[in-house]
Amino acid sequence: MTEHRPVHTRRRAVRGAAAAAAVAALLFGAAAPAAATPAGAAHPHGHSTERAGTEAGGTQVDGAASVRGGLEVIELEPYEALDIADDWQLGLLPEGRQNYVLSSPGQFEESVERAKQQIGDDIRPDSTSLHVGSEQGEVQLIAGAWRLAEAPMEITVYIEEGIGYTAQLVQLPGNPGWGTFHLDTSGIEGLKSFEVVAKDADGKVFSRHSYSPRGGVK
């Protein structure tokens, strides 16, 4: 039997610049900053980011649109900053599709302005992308985008056989047919490899990714 462990995300006020080195990862668009280096195939996108920073903390949910996989789907207004871990903020944009940013608080607005230039779809229908944020070789943050007519039933991160953590889903208002998912894994000591499994509204697996330090994103 698989043990599912929900990890929630809360809305917090936008904080000042991080004391640690700032990292702005613009995942979708023409050019990602140097800190975000593609790992694995170009499509779907996979990034592995090493960063300096503090341990991420966790989490309660405020406000959402619907429930998937035991967690409420957060509806985020365009360009709104959502704190998803210590020194990490998420923002969704209406320009283009599957267009979002991950950034440190001090670089969020700059990242959003760059992302506004992007148009068109970035991932194929019925698929997901994957971003991995790591520190000293250990995975601290797992995130990505999903593209589906209706919000997924759930997206689960399996850290080992039989143990899965439910990722938080986020989308713009009005069910635009895409959104993001994220999981703060800073509290999981020694995490270096994992698998992400996404299920549609009927419970059918529509996307699957795995990550390891040697193989990158697959």
N, C-alpha and C. Protein backbone atom coordinates (compact mmCIF):
# COMPACT_ATOMS: atom_id res chain seq x y z
N MET A 1 0.85 -1.20 0.00
CA MET A 1 0.00 0.00 0.00
C MET A 1 0.88 1.25 0.00
N THR A 2 0.52 2.18 -0.83
CA THR A 2 1.29 3.42 -0.89
C THR A 2 0.83 4.40 0.18
N GLU A 3 1.77 4.97 0.89
CA GLU A 3 1.47 5.96 1.92
C GLU A 3 1.59 7.35 1.31
N HIS A 4 0.48 8.10 1.27
CA HIS A 4 0.48 9.45 0.73
C HIS A 4 0.62 10.46 1.86
N ARG A 5 1.54 11.38 1.71
CA ARG A 5 1.79 12.39 2.73
C ARG A 5 1.62 13.77 2.13
N PRO A 6 0.51 14.43 2.43
CA PRO A 6 0.31 15.76 1.86
C PRO A 6 1.27 16.78 2.42
N VAL A 7 1.76 17.66 1.55
CA VAL A 7 2.59 18.79 1.97
C VAL A 7 1.93 20.04 1.43
N HIS A 8 1.55 20.96 2.29
CA HIS A 8 0.77 22.12 1.91
C HIS A 8 1.63 23.35 1.69
N THR A 9 1.03 24.34 1.06
CA THR A 9 1.69 25.62 0.83
C THR A 9 0.79 26.73 1.34
N ARG A 10 1.34 27.73 1.96
CA ARG A 10 0.53 28.82 2.46
C ARG A 10 0.85 30.12 1.73
N ARG A 11 -0.12 31.04 1.70
CA ARG A 11 0.12 32.37 1.17
C ARG A 11 0.76 33.20 2.28
N ARG A 12 1.82 33.91 1.93
CA ARG A 12 2.48 34.78 2.90
C ARG A 12 2.77 36.10 2.23
N ALA A 13 3.01 37.11 3.03
CA ALA A 13 3.38 38.41 2.47
C ALA A 13 4.72 38.29 1.77
N VAL A 14 4.91 39.06 0.71
CA VAL A 14 6.16 39.04 -0.02
C VAL A 14 7.26 39.57 0.89
N ARG A 15 8.34 38.79 1.02
CA ARG A 15 9.42 39.18 1.91
C ARG A 15 10.46 39.98 1.14
N GLY A 16 11.39 40.52 1.87
CA GLY A 16 12.47 41.28 1.26
C GLY A 16 13.46 40.36 0.59
N ALA A 17 14.54 40.91 0.09
CA ALA A 17 15.55 40.12 -0.61
C ALA A 17 16.11 39.07 0.32
N ALA A 18 16.37 37.89 -0.21
CA ALA A 18 16.87 36.79 0.60
C ALA A 18 18.28 37.11 1.07
N ALA A 19 18.57 36.67 2.28
CA ALA A 19 19.92 36.88 2.80
C ALA A 19 20.93 36.05 2.03
N ALA A 20 20.47 34.88 1.55
CA ALA A 20 21.35 34.03 0.76
C ALA A 20 21.44 34.55 -0.66
N ALA A 21 22.30 33.96 -1.46
CA ALA A 21 22.46 34.38 -2.86
C ALA A 21 21.15 34.21 -3.59
N ALA A 22 20.74 35.22 -4.37
CA ALA A 22 19.45 35.19 -5.05
C ALA A 22 19.54 34.36 -6.30
N VAL A 23 18.48 33.58 -6.52
CA VAL A 23 18.38 32.78 -7.74
C VAL A 23 17.04 33.03 -8.37
N ALA A 24 16.99 33.45 -9.63
CA ALA A 24 15.73 33.64 -10.35
C ALA A 24 15.70 32.64 -11.48
N ALA A 25 14.79 31.68 -11.42
CA ALA A 25 14.71 30.66 -12.46
C ALA A 25 13.49 30.92 -13.32
N LEU A 26 13.68 31.47 -14.50
CA LEU A 26 12.60 31.69 -15.44
C LEU A 26 12.50 30.45 -16.29
N LEU A 27 11.50 29.62 -15.98
CA LEU A 27 11.49 28.28 -16.55
C LEU A 27 11.01 28.24 -17.99
N PHE A 28 10.08 29.10 -18.37
CA PHE A 28 9.51 29.01 -19.68
C PHE A 28 9.73 30.29 -20.43
N GLY A 29 10.35 30.21 -21.56
CA GLY A 29 10.61 31.39 -22.33
C GLY A 29 11.89 31.24 -23.12
N ALA A 30 12.34 32.32 -23.66
CA ALA A 30 13.46 32.27 -24.58
C ALA A 30 14.74 31.84 -23.90
N ALA A 31 15.08 32.47 -22.78
CA ALA A 31 16.37 32.18 -22.15
C ALA A 31 16.24 32.18 -20.65
N ALA A 32 16.67 31.10 -20.03
CA ALA A 32 16.68 31.03 -18.57
C ALA A 32 17.97 31.63 -18.06
N PRO A 33 17.96 32.20 -16.84
CA PRO A 33 19.19 32.71 -16.26
C PRO A 33 20.24 31.61 -16.14
N ALA A 34 21.47 31.98 -15.95
CA ALA A 34 22.55 31.01 -15.91
C ALA A 34 22.36 29.98 -14.81
N ALA A 35 21.66 30.35 -13.73
CA ALA A 35 21.48 29.42 -12.62
C ALA A 35 20.60 28.26 -12.99
N ALA A 36 19.76 28.39 -14.00
CA ALA A 36 18.85 27.32 -14.40
C ALA A 36 19.40 26.64 -15.62
N THR A 37 19.97 25.45 -15.44
CA THR A 37 20.61 24.74 -16.53
C THR A 37 19.77 23.55 -16.94
N PRO A 38 19.39 23.40 -18.24
CA PRO A 38 18.61 22.26 -18.66
C PRO A 38 19.32 20.96 -18.32
N ALA A 39 18.52 19.98 -17.86
CA ALA A 39 19.07 18.66 -17.57
C ALA A 39 18.17 17.64 -18.21
N GLY A 40 18.67 16.91 -19.18
CA GLY A 40 17.84 15.93 -19.85
C GLY A 40 17.29 16.48 -21.15
N ALA A 41 16.22 15.86 -21.64
CA ALA A 41 15.65 16.23 -22.93
C ALA A 41 15.09 17.63 -22.91
N ALA A 42 15.07 18.26 -24.08
CA ALA A 42 14.59 19.64 -24.17
C ALA A 42 13.08 19.71 -23.99
N HIS A 43 12.38 18.61 -24.23
CA HIS A 43 10.92 18.64 -24.11
C HIS A 43 10.41 17.32 -23.57
N PRO A 44 9.70 17.30 -22.42
CA PRO A 44 9.35 18.47 -21.62
C PRO A 44 10.61 19.06 -20.96
N HIS A 45 10.53 20.30 -20.50
CA HIS A 45 11.67 20.98 -19.92
C HIS A 45 12.05 20.33 -18.60
N GLY A 46 13.35 20.24 -18.37
CA GLY A 46 13.84 19.81 -17.07
C GLY A 46 14.98 20.71 -16.68
N HIS A 47 14.99 21.20 -15.45
CA HIS A 47 16.05 22.07 -14.98
C HIS A 47 16.53 21.57 -13.64
N SER A 48 17.81 21.70 -13.39
CA SER A 48 18.38 21.40 -12.07
C SER A 48 19.14 22.62 -11.62
N THR A 49 18.74 23.20 -10.50
CA THR A 49 19.34 24.44 -10.02
C THR A 49 20.01 24.23 -8.69
N GLU A 50 21.30 24.52 -8.61
CA GLU A 50 22.01 24.54 -7.33
C GLU A 50 21.91 25.95 -6.78
N ARG A 51 21.60 26.11 -5.51
CA ARG A 51 21.48 27.44 -4.95
C ARG A 51 21.97 27.44 -3.51
N ALA A 52 22.42 28.60 -3.07
CA ALA A 52 22.69 28.80 -1.65
C ALA A 52 21.41 29.27 -1.00
N GLY A 53 21.18 28.91 0.24
CA GLY A 53 19.96 29.36 0.86
C GLY A 53 19.72 28.68 2.19
N THR A 54 18.62 29.03 2.81
CA THR A 54 18.28 28.43 4.09
C THR A 54 17.31 27.29 3.87
N GLU A 55 17.08 26.50 4.89
CA GLU A 55 16.14 25.39 4.77
C GLU A 55 14.73 25.93 4.59
N ALA A 56 13.98 25.29 3.70
CA ALA A 56 12.61 25.73 3.44
C ALA A 56 11.68 25.20 4.50
N GLY A 57 10.64 25.96 4.76
CA GLY A 57 9.71 25.56 5.79
C GLY A 57 8.34 25.26 5.23
N GLY A 58 7.54 24.81 5.97
CA GLY A 58 6.32 24.37 5.44
C GLY A 58 5.09 25.00 5.84
N THR A 59 3.88 25.44 6.10
CA THR A 59 2.80 25.24 5.43
C THR A 59 1.36 24.89 5.63
N GLN A 60 0.57 25.80 5.46
CA GLN A 60 -0.88 25.63 5.53
C GLN A 60 -1.48 26.31 4.30
N VAL A 61 -2.65 25.86 3.90
CA VAL A 61 -3.27 26.42 2.70
C VAL A 61 -4.29 27.47 3.08
N ASP A 62 -4.29 28.58 2.37
CA ASP A 62 -5.32 29.61 2.51
C ASP A 62 -6.00 29.75 1.16
N GLY A 63 -7.21 29.71 0.96
CA GLY A 63 -7.84 30.09 -0.28
C GLY A 63 -7.54 29.18 -1.43
N ALA A 64 -8.56 28.72 -2.13
CA ALA A 64 -8.35 27.84 -3.27
C ALA A 64 -9.64 27.66 -4.03
N ALA A 65 -9.56 26.97 -5.16
CA ALA A 65 -10.72 26.84 -6.03
C ALA A 65 -11.44 25.52 -5.88
N SER A 66 -10.71 24.43 -5.81
CA SER A 66 -11.31 23.11 -5.74
C SER A 66 -10.34 22.16 -5.06
N VAL A 67 -10.75 20.92 -4.89
CA VAL A 67 -9.92 19.96 -4.17
C VAL A 67 -9.46 18.88 -5.12
N ARG A 68 -8.17 18.57 -5.12
CA ARG A 68 -7.60 17.50 -5.92
C ARG A 68 -6.61 16.75 -5.04
N GLY A 69 -6.73 15.43 -4.97
CA GLY A 69 -5.78 14.63 -4.23
C GLY A 69 -5.70 14.99 -2.76
N GLY A 70 -6.78 15.50 -2.18
CA GLY A 70 -6.80 15.85 -0.77
C GLY A 70 -6.31 17.26 -0.49
N LEU A 71 -5.78 17.97 -1.50
CA LEU A 71 -5.32 19.34 -1.33
C LEU A 71 -6.19 20.27 -2.17
N GLU A 72 -6.37 21.47 -1.69
CA GLU A 72 -7.12 22.46 -2.44
C GLU A 72 -6.24 23.04 -3.54
N VAL A 73 -6.84 23.22 -4.73
CA VAL A 73 -6.12 23.85 -5.83
C VAL A 73 -6.12 25.35 -5.60
N ILE A 74 -4.96 25.95 -5.50
CA ILE A 74 -4.87 27.38 -5.24
C ILE A 74 -5.08 28.14 -6.54
N GLU A 75 -6.01 29.09 -6.53
CA GLU A 75 -6.18 30.00 -7.66
C GLU A 75 -5.35 31.24 -7.38
N LEU A 76 -4.40 31.50 -8.25
CA LEU A 76 -3.47 32.60 -8.08
C LEU A 76 -3.75 33.67 -9.13
N GLU A 77 -3.89 34.91 -8.70
CA GLU A 77 -4.12 35.99 -9.65
C GLU A 77 -2.87 36.21 -10.51
N PRO A 78 -3.04 36.66 -11.76
CA PRO A 78 -1.87 36.91 -12.61
C PRO A 78 -0.85 37.82 -11.92
N TYR A 79 0.40 37.45 -12.01
CA TYR A 79 1.54 38.21 -11.49
C TYR A 79 1.62 38.21 -9.97
N GLU A 80 0.73 37.52 -9.29
CA GLU A 80 0.76 37.48 -7.82
C GLU A 80 1.89 36.57 -7.36
N ALA A 81 2.59 36.98 -6.31
CA ALA A 81 3.68 36.18 -5.75
C ALA A 81 3.15 35.25 -4.68
N LEU A 82 3.46 33.98 -4.81
CA LEU A 82 3.08 32.98 -3.82
C LEU A 82 4.35 32.37 -3.24
N ASP A 83 4.54 32.50 -1.94
CA ASP A 83 5.69 31.89 -1.28
C ASP A 83 5.46 30.39 -1.20
N ILE A 84 6.36 29.63 -1.81
CA ILE A 84 6.19 28.18 -1.81
C ILE A 84 7.26 27.47 -1.00
N ALA A 85 8.29 28.18 -0.62
CA ALA A 85 9.35 27.67 0.25
C ALA A 85 10.19 28.87 0.68
N ASP A 86 11.06 28.67 1.64
CA ASP A 86 11.92 29.77 2.04
C ASP A 86 12.74 30.23 0.84
N ASP A 87 12.68 31.53 0.54
CA ASP A 87 13.45 32.15 -0.53
C ASP A 87 13.03 31.71 -1.93
N TRP A 88 11.84 31.15 -2.07
CA TRP A 88 11.30 30.80 -3.38
C TRP A 88 9.89 31.34 -3.51
N GLN A 89 9.62 32.02 -4.62
CA GLN A 89 8.28 32.50 -4.92
C GLN A 89 7.85 32.02 -6.30
N LEU A 90 6.56 31.79 -6.43
CA LEU A 90 5.97 31.32 -7.68
C LEU A 90 5.01 32.37 -8.21
N GLY A 91 4.99 32.59 -9.51
CA GLY A 91 4.04 33.49 -10.15
C GLY A 91 3.57 32.92 -11.47
N LEU A 92 2.29 33.07 -11.77
CA LEU A 92 1.71 32.60 -13.03
C LEU A 92 1.33 33.80 -13.89
N LEU A 93 1.54 33.68 -15.19
CA LEU A 93 1.28 34.78 -16.11
C LEU A 93 0.25 34.40 -17.16
N PRO A 94 -0.61 35.36 -17.58
CA PRO A 94 -1.58 35.09 -18.63
C PRO A 94 -0.98 35.18 -20.02
N GLU A 95 0.19 35.81 -20.17
CA GLU A 95 0.84 35.88 -21.47
C GLU A 95 1.34 34.50 -21.86
N GLY A 96 0.99 34.08 -23.09
CA GLY A 96 1.35 32.73 -23.49
C GLY A 96 0.59 31.71 -22.67
N ARG A 97 1.08 30.49 -22.62
CA ARG A 97 0.47 29.44 -21.82
C ARG A 97 1.59 28.63 -21.17
N GLN A 98 1.28 28.02 -20.04
CA GLN A 98 2.27 27.33 -19.23
C GLN A 98 3.45 28.26 -18.94
N ASN A 99 3.13 29.52 -18.70
CA ASN A 99 4.13 30.56 -18.48
C ASN A 99 4.15 30.94 -17.00
N TYR A 100 5.23 30.59 -16.33
CA TYR A 100 5.32 30.90 -14.90
C TYR A 100 6.77 31.18 -14.54
N VAL A 101 6.98 31.73 -13.36
CA VAL A 101 8.32 32.01 -12.89
C VAL A 101 8.52 31.43 -11.50
N LEU A 102 9.74 31.00 -11.24
CA LEU A 102 10.22 30.70 -9.90
C LEU A 102 11.36 31.65 -9.62
N SER A 103 11.33 32.30 -8.48
CA SER A 103 12.30 33.35 -8.23
C SER A 103 12.51 33.56 -6.74
N SER A 104 13.63 34.18 -6.40
CA SER A 104 13.79 34.68 -5.04
C SER A 104 12.93 35.93 -4.91
N PRO A 105 12.50 36.28 -3.69
CA PRO A 105 11.64 37.46 -3.53
C PRO A 105 12.24 38.74 -4.11
N GLY A 106 13.54 38.91 -3.99
CA GLY A 106 14.16 40.13 -4.46
C GLY A 106 14.19 40.27 -5.97
N GLN A 107 13.98 39.17 -6.71
CA GLN A 107 14.04 39.22 -8.16
C GLN A 107 12.71 38.86 -8.81
N PHE A 108 11.66 38.76 -8.01
CA PHE A 108 10.38 38.29 -8.55
C PHE A 108 9.84 39.23 -9.63
N GLU A 109 9.75 40.52 -9.35
CA GLU A 109 9.17 41.45 -10.31
C GLU A 109 9.97 41.48 -11.61
N GLU A 110 11.28 41.43 -11.51
CA GLU A 110 12.13 41.42 -12.71
C GLU A 110 11.88 40.16 -13.53
N SER A 111 11.73 39.01 -12.87
CA SER A 111 11.47 37.76 -13.56
C SER A 111 10.13 37.79 -14.27
N VAL A 112 9.12 38.37 -13.63
CA VAL A 112 7.79 38.49 -14.24
C VAL A 112 7.85 39.35 -15.49
N GLU A 113 8.56 40.46 -15.43
CA GLU A 113 8.65 41.35 -16.60
C GLU A 113 9.29 40.64 -17.78
N ARG A 114 10.32 39.84 -17.53
CA ARG A 114 10.94 39.10 -18.62
C ARG A 114 9.99 38.06 -19.18
N ALA A 115 9.24 37.40 -18.31
CA ALA A 115 8.35 36.34 -18.76
C ALA A 115 7.16 36.86 -19.55
N LYS A 116 6.82 38.14 -19.38
CA LYS A 116 5.70 38.71 -20.12
C LYS A 116 5.93 38.71 -21.63
N GLN A 117 7.15 38.55 -22.05
CA GLN A 117 7.46 38.58 -23.48
C GLN A 117 7.16 37.25 -24.17
N GLN A 118 6.84 36.23 -23.41
CA GLN A 118 6.65 34.91 -23.99
C GLN A 118 5.22 34.71 -24.49
N ILE A 119 5.08 34.01 -25.61
CA ILE A 119 3.76 33.73 -26.18
C ILE A 119 3.70 32.26 -26.58
N GLY A 120 2.47 31.78 -26.79
CA GLY A 120 2.30 30.41 -27.28
C GLY A 120 2.44 29.36 -26.20
N ASP A 121 2.21 28.11 -26.60
CA ASP A 121 2.30 26.98 -25.68
C ASP A 121 3.74 26.55 -25.51
N ASP A 122 4.05 26.05 -24.32
CA ASP A 122 5.41 25.63 -24.04
C ASP A 122 5.54 24.13 -23.86
N ILE A 123 4.48 23.45 -23.47
CA ILE A 123 4.51 22.00 -23.38
C ILE A 123 3.32 21.44 -24.13
N ARG A 124 3.43 20.21 -24.56
CA ARG A 124 2.37 19.59 -25.36
C ARG A 124 1.15 19.27 -24.51
N PRO A 125 -0.02 19.07 -25.12
CA PRO A 125 -1.23 18.73 -24.34
C PRO A 125 -1.03 17.44 -23.55
N ASP A 126 -1.73 17.36 -22.43
CA ASP A 126 -1.73 16.17 -21.58
C ASP A 126 -0.31 15.79 -21.15
N SER A 127 0.43 16.78 -20.66
CA SER A 127 1.80 16.51 -20.23
C SER A 127 2.17 17.42 -19.07
N THR A 128 3.34 17.19 -18.52
CA THR A 128 3.88 18.01 -17.45
C THR A 128 5.35 18.32 -17.76
N SER A 129 5.88 19.34 -17.09
CA SER A 129 7.31 19.61 -17.12
C SER A 129 7.82 19.49 -15.70
N LEU A 130 9.14 19.53 -15.54
CA LEU A 130 9.70 19.31 -14.22
C LEU A 130 10.91 20.21 -13.98
N HIS A 131 10.93 20.86 -12.82
CA HIS A 131 12.04 21.69 -12.35
C HIS A 131 12.52 21.12 -11.02
N VAL A 132 13.83 21.04 -10.85
CA VAL A 132 14.41 20.53 -9.62
C VAL A 132 15.34 21.58 -9.02
N GLY A 133 15.06 22.01 -7.81
CA GLY A 133 15.95 22.92 -7.10
C GLY A 133 16.72 22.15 -6.04
N SER A 134 18.04 22.18 -6.08
CA SER A 134 18.83 21.40 -5.14
C SER A 134 19.88 22.25 -4.46
N GLU A 135 20.35 21.78 -3.34
CA GLU A 135 21.38 22.46 -2.55
C GLU A 135 22.34 21.42 -2.03
N GLN A 136 23.60 21.54 -2.40
CA GLN A 136 24.63 20.59 -1.99
C GLN A 136 24.23 19.17 -2.34
N GLY A 137 23.64 19.01 -3.52
CA GLY A 137 23.30 17.69 -4.02
C GLY A 137 21.99 17.11 -3.52
N GLU A 138 21.32 17.80 -2.58
CA GLU A 138 20.06 17.30 -2.05
C GLU A 138 18.90 18.13 -2.60
N VAL A 139 17.84 17.45 -2.99
CA VAL A 139 16.68 18.11 -3.59
C VAL A 139 15.92 18.90 -2.53
N GLN A 140 15.72 20.20 -2.80
CA GLN A 140 15.03 21.09 -1.88
C GLN A 140 13.64 21.50 -2.36
N LEU A 141 13.46 21.52 -3.69
CA LEU A 141 12.19 21.97 -4.25
C LEU A 141 11.92 21.23 -5.55
N ILE A 142 10.70 20.73 -5.70
CA ILE A 142 10.25 20.08 -6.93
C ILE A 142 9.07 20.87 -7.46
N ALA A 143 9.10 21.26 -8.72
CA ALA A 143 8.03 22.07 -9.30
C ALA A 143 7.93 21.80 -10.79
N GLY A 144 6.87 22.31 -11.39
CA GLY A 144 6.69 22.14 -12.83
C GLY A 144 5.34 22.65 -13.27
N ALA A 145 5.04 22.47 -14.55
CA ALA A 145 3.76 22.88 -15.11
C ALA A 145 2.99 21.65 -15.58
N TRP A 146 1.68 21.78 -15.61
CA TRP A 146 0.84 20.75 -16.21
C TRP A 146 -0.08 21.40 -17.24
N ARG A 147 -0.42 20.65 -18.28
CA ARG A 147 -1.34 21.11 -19.32
C ARG A 147 -2.39 20.03 -19.53
N LEU A 148 -3.60 20.35 -19.16
CA LEU A 148 -4.71 19.39 -19.17
C LEU A 148 -6.01 20.18 -19.20
N ALA A 149 -7.04 19.62 -19.83
CA ALA A 149 -8.32 20.33 -19.95
C ALA A 149 -8.89 20.67 -18.59
N GLU A 150 -8.73 19.78 -17.63
CA GLU A 150 -9.22 19.99 -16.27
C GLU A 150 -8.07 19.74 -15.31
N ALA A 151 -8.08 20.40 -14.19
CA ALA A 151 -6.99 20.22 -13.23
C ALA A 151 -6.79 18.75 -12.90
N PRO A 152 -5.55 18.30 -12.78
CA PRO A 152 -5.29 16.90 -12.45
C PRO A 152 -5.96 16.49 -11.14
N MET A 153 -6.27 15.20 -11.05
CA MET A 153 -6.76 14.67 -9.77
C MET A 153 -5.69 14.84 -8.71
N GLU A 154 -4.45 14.51 -9.07
CA GLU A 154 -3.34 14.69 -8.15
C GLU A 154 -2.03 14.52 -8.89
N ILE A 155 -0.99 15.13 -8.35
CA ILE A 155 0.37 14.91 -8.80
C ILE A 155 1.16 14.50 -7.57
N THR A 156 1.76 13.32 -7.62
CA THR A 156 2.40 12.74 -6.45
C THR A 156 3.89 12.57 -6.69
N VAL A 157 4.68 12.92 -5.69
CA VAL A 157 6.13 12.73 -5.74
C VAL A 157 6.46 11.51 -4.88
N TYR A 158 7.03 10.48 -5.51
CA TYR A 158 7.42 9.27 -4.80
C TYR A 158 8.91 9.32 -4.52
N ILE A 159 9.26 9.32 -3.23
CA ILE A 159 10.67 9.39 -2.86
C ILE A 159 11.28 8.01 -2.69
N GLU A 160 10.46 7.02 -2.51
CA GLU A 160 10.88 5.63 -2.50
C GLU A 160 9.61 4.79 -2.64
N GLU A 161 9.80 3.51 -2.90
CA GLU A 161 8.64 2.66 -3.12
C GLU A 161 7.70 2.68 -1.92
N GLY A 162 6.43 3.03 -2.18
CA GLY A 162 5.43 3.01 -1.14
C GLY A 162 5.26 4.30 -0.38
N ILE A 163 6.12 5.32 -0.63
CA ILE A 163 6.00 6.59 0.07
C ILE A 163 5.85 7.72 -0.95
N GLY A 164 4.68 8.37 -0.94
CA GLY A 164 4.43 9.44 -1.88
C GLY A 164 3.93 10.71 -1.19
N TYR A 165 4.38 11.86 -1.69
CA TYR A 165 3.95 13.16 -1.17
C TYR A 165 3.09 13.85 -2.23
N THR A 166 1.93 14.34 -1.82
CA THR A 166 1.04 15.03 -2.75
C THR A 166 1.51 16.45 -2.99
N ALA A 167 1.75 16.80 -4.25
CA ALA A 167 2.20 18.15 -4.60
C ALA A 167 1.02 19.11 -4.61
N GLN A 168 1.31 20.38 -4.35
CA GLN A 168 0.30 21.43 -4.38
C GLN A 168 0.07 21.89 -5.81
N LEU A 169 -1.20 21.96 -6.23
CA LEU A 169 -1.56 22.45 -7.56
C LEU A 169 -1.95 23.92 -7.48
N VAL A 170 -1.56 24.68 -8.51
CA VAL A 170 -1.86 26.12 -8.59
C VAL A 170 -2.30 26.42 -10.02
N GLN A 171 -3.30 27.29 -10.18
CA GLN A 171 -3.71 27.70 -11.51
C GLN A 171 -4.27 29.12 -11.47
N LEU A 172 -4.35 29.74 -12.64
CA LEU A 172 -4.99 31.04 -12.76
C LEU A 172 -6.50 30.87 -12.67
N PRO A 173 -7.24 31.92 -12.32
CA PRO A 173 -8.70 31.82 -12.26
C PRO A 173 -9.28 31.46 -13.63
N GLY A 174 -10.43 30.78 -13.62
CA GLY A 174 -11.13 30.50 -14.86
C GLY A 174 -10.74 29.22 -15.56
N ASN A 175 -10.01 28.32 -14.88
CA ASN A 175 -9.64 27.04 -15.46
C ASN A 175 -9.06 27.19 -16.87
N PRO A 176 -7.87 27.78 -17.00
CA PRO A 176 -7.29 28.04 -18.32
C PRO A 176 -6.72 26.80 -19.01
N GLY A 177 -6.80 25.63 -18.37
CA GLY A 177 -6.30 24.41 -19.00
C GLY A 177 -4.83 24.14 -18.72
N TRP A 178 -4.24 24.88 -17.79
CA TRP A 178 -2.87 24.62 -17.37
C TRP A 178 -2.66 25.21 -15.99
N GLY A 179 -1.59 24.81 -15.38
CA GLY A 179 -1.25 25.32 -14.06
C GLY A 179 0.11 24.79 -13.66
N THR A 180 0.42 24.88 -12.38
CA THR A 180 1.71 24.40 -11.89
C THR A 180 1.51 23.47 -10.71
N PHE A 181 2.58 22.81 -10.33
CA PHE A 181 2.60 22.01 -9.10
C PHE A 181 3.94 22.25 -8.41
N HIS A 182 3.96 22.08 -7.11
CA HIS A 182 5.22 22.23 -6.39
C HIS A 182 5.20 21.46 -5.08
N LEU A 183 6.38 21.13 -4.62
CA LEU A 183 6.53 20.42 -3.35
C LEU A 183 7.83 20.87 -2.71
N ASP A 184 7.74 21.41 -1.51
CA ASP A 184 8.91 21.81 -0.73
C ASP A 184 9.46 20.55 -0.06
N THR A 185 10.63 20.10 -0.50
CA THR A 185 11.20 18.85 0.03
C THR A 185 12.39 19.10 0.95
N SER A 186 12.54 20.33 1.39
CA SER A 186 13.69 20.65 2.24
C SER A 186 13.68 19.88 3.56
N GLY A 187 12.50 19.44 4.00
CA GLY A 187 12.41 18.69 5.24
C GLY A 187 12.65 17.20 5.08
N ILE A 188 12.88 16.76 3.82
CA ILE A 188 13.14 15.34 3.57
C ILE A 188 14.65 15.17 3.45
N GLU A 189 15.28 14.73 4.49
CA GLU A 189 16.74 14.69 4.55
C GLU A 189 17.31 13.68 3.56
N GLY A 190 18.32 14.09 2.82
CA GLY A 190 19.03 13.17 1.93
C GLY A 190 18.32 12.84 0.64
N LEU A 191 17.30 13.60 0.26
CA LEU A 191 16.55 13.29 -0.97
C LEU A 191 17.39 13.65 -2.19
N LYS A 192 17.66 12.66 -3.04
CA LYS A 192 18.44 12.89 -4.24
C LYS A 192 17.76 12.37 -5.50
N SER A 193 16.87 11.41 -5.35
CA SER A 193 16.16 10.82 -6.49
C SER A 193 14.68 10.71 -6.17
N PHE A 194 13.84 10.79 -7.20
CA PHE A 194 12.40 10.69 -6.98
C PHE A 194 11.69 10.45 -8.31
N GLU A 195 10.40 10.17 -8.22
CA GLU A 195 9.55 10.02 -9.40
C GLU A 195 8.30 10.87 -9.20
N VAL A 196 7.83 11.53 -10.28
CA VAL A 196 6.61 12.33 -10.24
C VAL A 196 5.57 11.67 -11.13
N VAL A 197 4.40 11.39 -10.57
CA VAL A 197 3.31 10.75 -11.31
C VAL A 197 2.09 11.65 -11.28
N ALA A 198 1.56 12.00 -12.47
CA ALA A 198 0.41 12.89 -12.57
C ALA A 198 -0.80 12.10 -13.08
N LYS A 199 -1.94 12.26 -12.38
CA LYS A 199 -3.18 11.58 -12.76
C LYS A 199 -4.24 12.60 -13.16
N ASP A 200 -5.00 12.27 -14.21
CA ASP A 200 -6.05 13.18 -14.66
C ASP A 200 -7.28 13.06 -13.76
N ALA A 201 -8.36 13.76 -14.13
CA ALA A 201 -9.55 13.81 -13.29
C ALA A 201 -10.19 12.44 -13.10
N ASP A 202 -9.92 11.51 -14.01
CA ASP A 202 -10.46 10.15 -13.90
C ASP A 202 -9.52 9.20 -13.19
N GLY A 203 -8.40 9.70 -12.73
CA GLY A 203 -7.44 8.85 -12.02
C GLY A 203 -6.47 8.12 -12.92
N LYS A 204 -6.44 8.45 -14.21
CA LYS A 204 -5.54 7.80 -15.16
C LYS A 204 -4.22 8.57 -15.22
N VAL A 205 -3.12 7.84 -15.20
CA VAL A 205 -1.79 8.48 -15.30
C VAL A 205 -1.62 9.06 -16.70
N PHE A 206 -1.34 10.37 -16.77
CA PHE A 206 -1.12 11.01 -18.06
C PHE A 206 0.30 11.52 -18.24
N SER A 207 1.08 11.51 -17.17
CA SER A 207 2.46 11.96 -17.27
C SER A 207 3.28 11.39 -16.12
N ARG A 208 4.55 11.11 -16.44
CA ARG A 208 5.43 10.53 -15.43
C ARG A 208 6.86 11.02 -15.70
N HIS A 209 7.54 11.48 -14.66
CA HIS A 209 8.93 11.90 -14.75
C HIS A 209 9.72 11.26 -13.62
N SER A 210 11.01 11.08 -13.85
CA SER A 210 11.89 10.65 -12.77
C SER A 210 13.13 11.53 -12.77
N TYR A 211 13.79 11.59 -11.64
CA TYR A 211 15.00 12.41 -11.52
C TYR A 211 16.03 11.69 -10.66
N SER A 212 17.28 11.75 -11.10
CA SER A 212 18.40 11.26 -10.32
C SER A 212 19.60 12.15 -10.63
N PRO A 213 20.55 12.27 -9.72
CA PRO A 213 21.71 13.13 -9.97
C PRO A 213 22.50 12.72 -11.22
N ARG A 214 22.57 11.46 -11.49
CA ARG A 214 23.35 11.00 -12.64
C ARG A 214 22.56 11.10 -13.94
N GLY A 215 21.29 10.77 -13.91
CA GLY A 215 20.49 10.75 -15.13
C GLY A 215 19.73 12.03 -15.42
N GLY A 216 19.62 12.93 -14.44
CA GLY A 216 18.85 14.15 -14.63
C GLY A 216 17.37 13.85 -14.72
N VAL A 217 16.65 14.69 -15.46
CA VAL A 217 15.20 14.54 -15.62
C VAL A 217 14.91 13.61 -16.79
N LYS A 218 14.03 12.66 -16.56
CA LYS A 218 13.59 11.74 -17.62
C LYS A 218 12.08 11.66 -17.66
